[in-house]
Amino acid sequence: MLSTAIKNVPVNFKKGDMVEVISGRERGKQGKVLQVLSRDQRILIEKLNMIKKHQKPNQNNKQGGIVDKEASIHISNVMLICGHCNKVSRTGTKILENGMKIRVCKKCGESIDKE
């Protein structure tokens, strides 16, 4: 449950990143990040942690019914996949000469962000 105090914890994930679930019922599965909910420290991953939702009829879904949708996963249960070494790894930050911050893989040292 979310308390009234907002925690300012940095989230190292961005929309479009490839991640792997490291704990829970979806452990070992990989997917692309659809949305980052930084205030709640949760992310939505494409086609993972699917739930069934009873939907009322609306303009997009005229008939309504039961629809499958992704549920959020806490960020502590996922790890980023490096595009260069194709392994899950922790991330670090590196400051370039022009003052930009980029994320780097702790295993291979390569940049994760696209420049």
N, C-alpha and C. Protein backbone atom coordinates (compact mmCIF):
# COMPACT_ATOMS: atom_id res chain seq x y z
N MET A 1 0.84 -1.18 0.00
CA MET A 1 0.00 0.00 0.00
C MET A 1 0.89 1.24 0.00
N LEU A 2 0.50 2.22 -0.76
CA LEU A 2 1.29 3.43 -0.89
C LEU A 2 1.03 4.35 0.31
N SER A 3 2.09 4.73 0.98
CA SER A 3 1.92 5.63 2.12
C SER A 3 1.79 7.06 1.62
N THR A 4 1.50 7.98 2.52
CA THR A 4 1.32 9.37 2.13
C THR A 4 2.64 10.03 1.76
N ALA A 5 3.75 9.55 2.32
CA ALA A 5 5.06 10.11 1.97
C ALA A 5 5.54 9.49 0.66
N ILE A 6 5.92 10.34 -0.28
CA ILE A 6 6.41 9.87 -1.57
C ILE A 6 7.90 9.61 -1.46
N LYS A 7 8.29 8.41 -1.86
CA LYS A 7 9.70 8.06 -1.80
C LYS A 7 10.38 8.51 -3.08
N ASN A 8 11.50 9.20 -2.97
CA ASN A 8 12.25 9.66 -4.13
C ASN A 8 13.38 8.68 -4.42
N VAL A 9 13.03 7.52 -4.94
CA VAL A 9 14.01 6.51 -5.30
C VAL A 9 14.18 6.56 -6.81
N PRO A 10 15.40 6.67 -7.33
CA PRO A 10 15.57 6.73 -8.78
C PRO A 10 15.20 5.41 -9.43
N VAL A 11 14.56 5.51 -10.58
CA VAL A 11 14.17 4.33 -11.35
C VAL A 11 15.10 4.25 -12.56
N ASN A 12 15.80 3.14 -12.71
CA ASN A 12 16.79 3.00 -13.76
C ASN A 12 16.24 2.36 -15.02
N PHE A 13 14.93 2.33 -15.18
CA PHE A 13 14.31 1.73 -16.36
C PHE A 13 13.65 2.82 -17.18
N LYS A 14 13.64 2.61 -18.50
CA LYS A 14 12.98 3.53 -19.42
C LYS A 14 12.06 2.73 -20.33
N LYS A 15 11.07 3.40 -20.89
CA LYS A 15 10.16 2.77 -21.83
C LYS A 15 10.97 2.22 -23.02
N GLY A 16 10.72 0.97 -23.38
CA GLY A 16 11.42 0.35 -24.50
C GLY A 16 12.60 -0.52 -24.09
N ASP A 17 13.04 -0.47 -22.84
CA ASP A 17 14.14 -1.31 -22.36
C ASP A 17 13.71 -2.77 -22.33
N MET A 18 14.67 -3.68 -22.54
CA MET A 18 14.42 -5.10 -22.37
C MET A 18 14.81 -5.48 -20.95
N VAL A 19 13.91 -6.18 -20.26
CA VAL A 19 14.16 -6.58 -18.87
C VAL A 19 13.84 -8.05 -18.69
N GLU A 20 14.38 -8.62 -17.61
CA GLU A 20 14.07 -10.00 -17.25
C GLU A 20 13.56 -10.01 -15.82
N VAL A 21 12.51 -10.79 -15.58
CA VAL A 21 11.93 -10.91 -14.25
C VAL A 21 12.81 -11.88 -13.46
N ILE A 22 13.24 -11.47 -12.26
CA ILE A 22 14.15 -12.29 -11.47
C ILE A 22 13.47 -12.96 -10.27
N SER A 23 12.23 -12.60 -9.97
CA SER A 23 11.52 -13.27 -8.89
C SER A 23 10.02 -13.19 -9.12
N GLY A 24 9.31 -14.11 -8.50
CA GLY A 24 7.87 -14.15 -8.66
C GLY A 24 7.45 -15.24 -9.63
N ARG A 25 6.19 -15.28 -9.96
CA ARG A 25 5.68 -16.37 -10.79
C ARG A 25 6.12 -16.26 -12.23
N GLU A 26 6.55 -15.08 -12.68
CA GLU A 26 7.02 -14.86 -14.05
C GLU A 26 8.54 -14.94 -14.15
N ARG A 27 9.22 -15.51 -13.15
CA ARG A 27 10.67 -15.55 -13.09
C ARG A 27 11.27 -16.19 -14.35
N GLY A 28 12.32 -15.54 -14.89
CA GLY A 28 13.02 -16.06 -16.06
C GLY A 28 12.48 -15.55 -17.38
N LYS A 29 11.33 -14.91 -17.39
CA LYS A 29 10.74 -14.41 -18.63
C LYS A 29 11.27 -13.02 -18.94
N GLN A 30 11.35 -12.72 -20.23
CA GLN A 30 11.86 -11.43 -20.68
C GLN A 30 10.78 -10.69 -21.44
N GLY A 31 10.89 -9.36 -21.44
CA GLY A 31 9.93 -8.55 -22.17
C GLY A 31 10.37 -7.10 -22.25
N LYS A 32 9.62 -6.33 -23.03
CA LYS A 32 9.91 -4.92 -23.23
C LYS A 32 9.07 -4.08 -22.28
N VAL A 33 9.67 -3.03 -21.72
CA VAL A 33 8.98 -2.15 -20.79
C VAL A 33 7.98 -1.28 -21.57
N LEU A 34 6.71 -1.35 -21.16
CA LEU A 34 5.67 -0.54 -21.80
C LEU A 34 5.49 0.81 -21.10
N GLN A 35 5.59 0.79 -19.76
CA GLN A 35 5.34 2.01 -18.99
C GLN A 35 6.08 1.92 -17.67
N VAL A 36 6.62 3.05 -17.23
CA VAL A 36 7.30 3.13 -15.94
C VAL A 36 6.45 3.98 -15.01
N LEU A 37 6.05 3.40 -13.89
CA LEU A 37 5.26 4.12 -12.88
C LEU A 37 6.22 4.47 -11.74
N SER A 38 6.99 5.54 -11.91
CA SER A 38 8.08 5.84 -10.98
C SER A 38 7.59 6.19 -9.59
N ARG A 39 6.44 6.80 -9.46
CA ARG A 39 5.93 7.16 -8.14
C ARG A 39 5.64 5.92 -7.29
N ASP A 40 5.12 4.87 -7.95
CA ASP A 40 4.80 3.63 -7.25
C ASP A 40 5.94 2.62 -7.30
N GLN A 41 7.02 2.95 -8.02
CA GLN A 41 8.18 2.07 -8.21
C GLN A 41 7.76 0.76 -8.86
N ARG A 42 6.95 0.85 -9.91
CA ARG A 42 6.46 -0.33 -10.62
C ARG A 42 6.59 -0.10 -12.11
N ILE A 43 6.64 -1.20 -12.88
CA ILE A 43 6.69 -1.08 -14.34
C ILE A 43 5.73 -2.08 -14.97
N LEU A 44 5.28 -1.76 -16.18
CA LEU A 44 4.46 -2.67 -16.98
C LEU A 44 5.36 -3.28 -18.04
N ILE A 45 5.31 -4.60 -18.17
CA ILE A 45 6.13 -5.31 -19.14
C ILE A 45 5.20 -6.00 -20.14
N GLU A 46 5.56 -5.90 -21.41
CA GLU A 46 4.74 -6.43 -22.49
C GLU A 46 4.51 -7.93 -22.34
N LYS A 47 3.23 -8.33 -22.31
CA LYS A 47 2.78 -9.73 -22.25
C LYS A 47 3.30 -10.50 -21.04
N LEU A 48 3.56 -9.81 -19.94
CA LEU A 48 3.95 -10.49 -18.69
C LEU A 48 3.02 -10.05 -17.57
N ASN A 49 2.82 -10.94 -16.60
CA ASN A 49 1.95 -10.68 -15.45
C ASN A 49 0.54 -10.32 -15.92
N MET A 50 -0.01 -11.14 -16.83
CA MET A 50 -1.32 -10.88 -17.40
C MET A 50 -2.42 -11.16 -16.37
N ILE A 51 -3.44 -10.30 -16.38
CA ILE A 51 -4.61 -10.47 -15.52
C ILE A 51 -5.86 -10.35 -16.39
N LYS A 52 -6.96 -10.84 -15.86
CA LYS A 52 -8.24 -10.72 -16.55
C LYS A 52 -9.02 -9.60 -15.87
N LYS A 53 -9.53 -8.67 -16.68
CA LYS A 53 -10.26 -7.53 -16.14
C LYS A 53 -11.66 -7.51 -16.75
N HIS A 54 -12.65 -7.35 -15.91
CA HIS A 54 -14.03 -7.24 -16.38
C HIS A 54 -14.24 -5.80 -16.84
N GLN A 55 -14.54 -5.64 -18.13
CA GLN A 55 -14.60 -4.32 -18.75
C GLN A 55 -16.05 -3.99 -19.11
N LYS A 56 -16.50 -2.81 -18.70
CA LYS A 56 -17.81 -2.34 -19.13
C LYS A 56 -17.74 -1.91 -20.59
N PRO A 57 -18.86 -1.93 -21.29
CA PRO A 57 -18.83 -1.44 -22.67
C PRO A 57 -18.45 0.04 -22.71
N ASN A 58 -17.59 0.40 -23.66
CA ASN A 58 -17.21 1.80 -23.83
C ASN A 58 -17.04 2.06 -25.32
N GLN A 59 -16.55 3.22 -25.68
CA GLN A 59 -16.45 3.58 -27.08
C GLN A 59 -15.46 2.70 -27.84
N ASN A 60 -14.36 2.33 -27.19
CA ASN A 60 -13.36 1.48 -27.84
C ASN A 60 -13.81 0.02 -27.90
N ASN A 61 -14.45 -0.46 -26.86
CA ASN A 61 -14.87 -1.84 -26.75
C ASN A 61 -16.40 -1.84 -26.59
N LYS A 62 -17.12 -1.91 -27.70
CA LYS A 62 -18.58 -1.76 -27.69
C LYS A 62 -19.28 -2.84 -26.88
N GLN A 63 -18.77 -4.08 -26.94
CA GLN A 63 -19.45 -5.18 -26.28
C GLN A 63 -19.07 -5.32 -24.81
N GLY A 64 -17.86 -4.93 -24.45
CA GLY A 64 -17.41 -5.14 -23.08
C GLY A 64 -16.96 -6.58 -22.90
N GLY A 65 -16.95 -7.07 -21.67
CA GLY A 65 -16.57 -8.45 -21.41
C GLY A 65 -15.28 -8.54 -20.62
N ILE A 66 -14.64 -9.71 -20.70
CA ILE A 66 -13.42 -9.96 -19.95
C ILE A 66 -12.24 -9.77 -20.89
N VAL A 67 -11.32 -8.87 -20.52
CA VAL A 67 -10.15 -8.58 -21.35
C VAL A 67 -8.87 -8.93 -20.58
N ASP A 68 -7.84 -9.35 -21.32
CA ASP A 68 -6.54 -9.61 -20.73
C ASP A 68 -5.71 -8.34 -20.80
N LYS A 69 -5.03 -8.01 -19.71
CA LYS A 69 -4.14 -6.85 -19.71
C LYS A 69 -2.97 -7.10 -18.78
N GLU A 70 -1.91 -6.31 -18.98
CA GLU A 70 -0.72 -6.45 -18.16
C GLU A 70 -0.91 -5.78 -16.81
N ALA A 71 -0.43 -6.43 -15.76
CA ALA A 71 -0.42 -5.82 -14.43
C ALA A 71 1.02 -5.39 -14.14
N SER A 72 1.16 -4.44 -13.25
CA SER A 72 2.49 -3.90 -12.96
C SER A 72 3.29 -4.85 -12.07
N ILE A 73 4.61 -4.75 -12.19
CA ILE A 73 5.55 -5.52 -11.39
C ILE A 73 6.47 -4.54 -10.67
N HIS A 74 6.81 -4.83 -9.43
CA HIS A 74 7.69 -3.94 -8.68
C HIS A 74 9.09 -3.96 -9.31
N ILE A 75 9.77 -2.80 -9.31
CA ILE A 75 11.05 -2.68 -9.99
C ILE A 75 12.14 -3.54 -9.34
N SER A 76 11.96 -3.93 -8.08
CA SER A 76 12.97 -4.77 -7.44
C SER A 76 12.94 -6.19 -7.96
N ASN A 77 11.89 -6.57 -8.69
CA ASN A 77 11.76 -7.93 -9.20
C ASN A 77 12.22 -8.08 -10.64
N VAL A 78 12.78 -7.03 -11.22
CA VAL A 78 13.26 -7.11 -12.61
C VAL A 78 14.68 -6.57 -12.71
N MET A 79 15.41 -7.04 -13.74
CA MET A 79 16.76 -6.54 -14.02
C MET A 79 16.85 -6.22 -15.49
N LEU A 80 17.66 -5.22 -15.80
CA LEU A 80 17.85 -4.76 -17.16
C LEU A 80 18.73 -5.72 -17.93
N ILE A 81 18.42 -5.93 -19.21
CA ILE A 81 19.23 -6.78 -20.08
C ILE A 81 20.10 -5.86 -20.94
N CYS A 82 21.41 -6.08 -20.92
CA CYS A 82 22.35 -5.30 -21.71
C CYS A 82 22.21 -5.71 -23.18
N GLY A 83 22.17 -4.75 -24.08
CA GLY A 83 22.04 -5.04 -25.50
C GLY A 83 23.31 -5.58 -26.12
N HIS A 84 24.46 -5.33 -25.51
CA HIS A 84 25.74 -5.77 -26.07
C HIS A 84 26.11 -7.18 -25.64
N CYS A 85 26.01 -7.45 -24.32
CA CYS A 85 26.41 -8.78 -23.84
C CYS A 85 25.22 -9.73 -23.67
N ASN A 86 23.99 -9.23 -23.85
CA ASN A 86 22.75 -10.02 -23.75
C ASN A 86 22.62 -10.76 -22.43
N LYS A 87 23.08 -10.13 -21.34
CA LYS A 87 22.96 -10.70 -20.01
C LYS A 87 22.28 -9.68 -19.11
N VAL A 88 21.66 -10.18 -18.04
CA VAL A 88 21.09 -9.26 -17.06
C VAL A 88 22.24 -8.68 -16.24
N SER A 89 22.15 -7.40 -15.96
CA SER A 89 23.23 -6.79 -15.18
C SER A 89 22.71 -5.55 -14.47
N ARG A 90 23.48 -5.14 -13.48
CA ARG A 90 23.19 -3.88 -12.81
C ARG A 90 23.68 -2.75 -13.72
N THR A 91 23.24 -1.54 -13.43
CA THR A 91 23.64 -0.41 -14.25
C THR A 91 24.38 0.62 -13.41
N GLY A 92 25.24 1.34 -14.07
CA GLY A 92 25.92 2.47 -13.47
C GLY A 92 25.70 3.68 -14.36
N THR A 93 26.14 4.83 -13.91
CA THR A 93 26.02 6.02 -14.74
C THR A 93 27.41 6.55 -15.06
N LYS A 94 27.49 7.15 -16.23
CA LYS A 94 28.75 7.73 -16.67
C LYS A 94 28.41 9.11 -17.24
N ILE A 95 29.24 10.10 -16.92
CA ILE A 95 29.02 11.45 -17.42
C ILE A 95 29.97 11.69 -18.57
N LEU A 96 29.40 12.06 -19.71
CA LEU A 96 30.20 12.33 -20.91
C LEU A 96 30.82 13.72 -20.85
N GLU A 97 31.69 14.03 -21.84
CA GLU A 97 32.37 15.33 -21.87
C GLU A 97 31.38 16.49 -21.99
N ASN A 98 30.27 16.25 -22.71
CA ASN A 98 29.29 17.32 -22.90
C ASN A 98 28.32 17.46 -21.72
N GLY A 99 28.54 16.69 -20.66
CA GLY A 99 27.72 16.80 -19.45
C GLY A 99 26.52 15.88 -19.42
N MET A 100 26.31 15.08 -20.48
CA MET A 100 25.18 14.14 -20.52
C MET A 100 25.47 12.93 -19.66
N LYS A 101 24.42 12.43 -18.98
CA LYS A 101 24.54 11.20 -18.20
C LYS A 101 24.01 10.05 -19.05
N ILE A 102 24.75 8.92 -19.06
CA ILE A 102 24.28 7.73 -19.74
C ILE A 102 24.35 6.55 -18.79
N ARG A 103 23.53 5.54 -19.07
CA ARG A 103 23.57 4.31 -18.27
C ARG A 103 24.57 3.36 -18.91
N VAL A 104 25.37 2.69 -18.09
CA VAL A 104 26.34 1.73 -18.59
C VAL A 104 26.14 0.39 -17.89
N CYS A 105 26.47 -0.69 -18.60
CA CYS A 105 26.38 -2.05 -18.08
C CYS A 105 27.56 -2.28 -17.14
N LYS A 106 27.30 -2.85 -15.97
CA LYS A 106 28.37 -3.13 -15.00
C LYS A 106 29.22 -4.33 -15.41
N LYS A 107 28.69 -5.21 -16.28
CA LYS A 107 29.44 -6.40 -16.69
C LYS A 107 30.41 -6.10 -17.83
N CYS A 108 29.89 -5.44 -18.91
CA CYS A 108 30.75 -5.24 -20.07
C CYS A 108 31.23 -3.80 -20.20
N GLY A 109 30.63 -2.86 -19.46
CA GLY A 109 31.07 -1.46 -19.50
C GLY A 109 30.54 -0.66 -20.67
N GLU A 110 29.72 -1.28 -21.53
CA GLU A 110 29.18 -0.59 -22.70
C GLU A 110 27.96 0.23 -22.33
N SER A 111 27.66 1.22 -23.16
CA SER A 111 26.50 2.09 -22.94
C SER A 111 25.21 1.34 -23.23
N ILE A 112 24.21 1.53 -22.37
CA ILE A 112 22.90 0.93 -22.57
C ILE A 112 22.01 1.89 -23.36
N ASP A 113 22.18 3.18 -23.11
CA ASP A 113 21.36 4.19 -23.80
C ASP A 113 21.79 4.32 -25.25
N LYS A 114 20.79 4.57 -26.10
CA LYS A 114 21.10 4.83 -27.51
C LYS A 114 21.47 6.29 -27.65
N GLU A 115 22.55 6.57 -28.33
CA GLU A 115 23.07 7.95 -28.42
C GLU A 115 22.55 8.65 -29.63
